[in-house]
Every structure is written in C-alpha cells, then in structure tokens.
C-alpha cells in the first residue's frame, strides 16, 4: 500500500488494505447518518476489510 497509515484517529493508526479510490467509493455509498461519525466510518471500513488498525499512534513514533 502507498503509506504506512492513511488516518490517525483516537490514538490509533489505520493502514489501507485497498486502493484509496475503493475506500472513497465505499464511504460515498454510505447513508448520510453513518458518515456523521468518523468512528463509525472507521469501524465499517475495518469490518469490511478496507483498512486495518495498526496500533496506538504513540507506539508508531
């Protein structure tokens, strides 16, 4: 994947498992209610295999 991680949120870093375009397409298809929460979007992406939670960001530094 292009980067070690693509987002940091709540002290955790996440890595892409697919191309960013696939992630953007998945998120665009979500209902507006689900897109209101970054946490919910990240959980959905992780549960669908689009991203993987790496570790707490302080462990990456």
Protein backbone atom coordinates (compact mmCIF):
# COMPACT_ATOMS: atom_id res chain seq x y z
CA UNK A 1 0.00 0.00 0.00
CA UNK A 2 1.13 3.56 -0.61
CA UNK A 3 1.67 4.64 3.01
CA UNK A 4 2.24 3.07 6.39
CA UNK A 5 -1.06 4.54 7.54
CA UNK A 6 -3.72 6.72 6.00
CA UNK A 7 -5.52 8.06 9.07
CA UNK A 8 -4.94 8.57 12.76
CA UNK A 9 -7.99 8.70 14.99
CA UNK A 10 -8.45 8.35 18.73
CA UNK A 11 -4.82 7.41 19.30
CA UNK A 12 -4.85 4.66 16.66
CA UNK A 13 -3.39 4.46 13.17
CA UNK A 14 -5.03 2.60 10.32
CA UNK A 15 -3.45 1.11 7.19
CA UNK A 16 -5.07 0.80 3.76
CA UNK A 17 -5.75 -2.74 2.56
CA UNK A 18 -7.16 -1.49 -0.75
CA UNK A 19 -6.60 1.49 -3.04
CA UNK A 20 -7.84 4.83 -1.68
CA UNK A 21 -10.32 5.06 -4.56
CA UNK A 22 -12.07 1.92 -3.29
CA UNK A 23 -12.28 3.42 0.21
CA UNK A 24 -13.72 6.68 -1.15
CA UNK A 25 -16.28 4.78 -3.22
CA UNK A 26 -17.36 2.73 -0.17
CA UNK A 27 -17.72 5.84 2.00
CA UNK A 28 -19.65 7.74 -0.69
CA UNK A 29 -22.17 4.87 -0.78
CA UNK A 30 -22.86 5.04 2.97
CA UNK A 31 -26.06 6.71 4.19
CA UNK A 32 -25.53 10.24 5.48
CA UNK A 33 -26.37 9.12 9.04
CA UNK A 34 -23.39 6.76 9.08
CA UNK A 35 -21.00 9.37 7.68
CA UNK A 36 -21.63 11.75 10.58
CA UNK A 37 -19.32 9.77 12.86
CA UNK A 38 -15.66 9.23 11.94
CA UNK A 39 -15.54 6.39 14.46
CA UNK A 40 -18.46 4.61 12.79
CA UNK A 41 -16.96 5.04 9.32
CA UNK A 42 -13.62 3.63 10.51
CA UNK A 43 -15.35 0.69 12.18
CA UNK A 44 -17.27 -0.06 8.98
CA UNK A 45 -14.12 0.20 6.86
CA UNK A 46 -12.26 -2.12 9.22
CA UNK A 47 -15.10 -4.66 9.42
CA UNK A 48 -15.29 -4.78 5.61
CA UNK A 49 -11.52 -5.28 5.29
CA UNK A 50 -10.73 -1.94 3.66
CA UNK A 51 -8.39 -0.88 6.48
CA UNK A 52 -6.53 -2.47 9.37
CA UNK A 53 -5.94 -0.91 12.77
CA UNK A 54 -2.17 -0.89 13.32
CA UNK A 55 -1.61 0.32 16.86
CA UNK A 56 -1.76 3.33 19.10
CA UNK A 57 -0.01 6.30 17.43
CA UNK A 58 2.40 6.68 20.32
CA UNK A 59 3.71 3.20 19.51
CA UNK A 60 4.48 4.26 15.92
CA UNK A 61 6.71 7.19 16.84
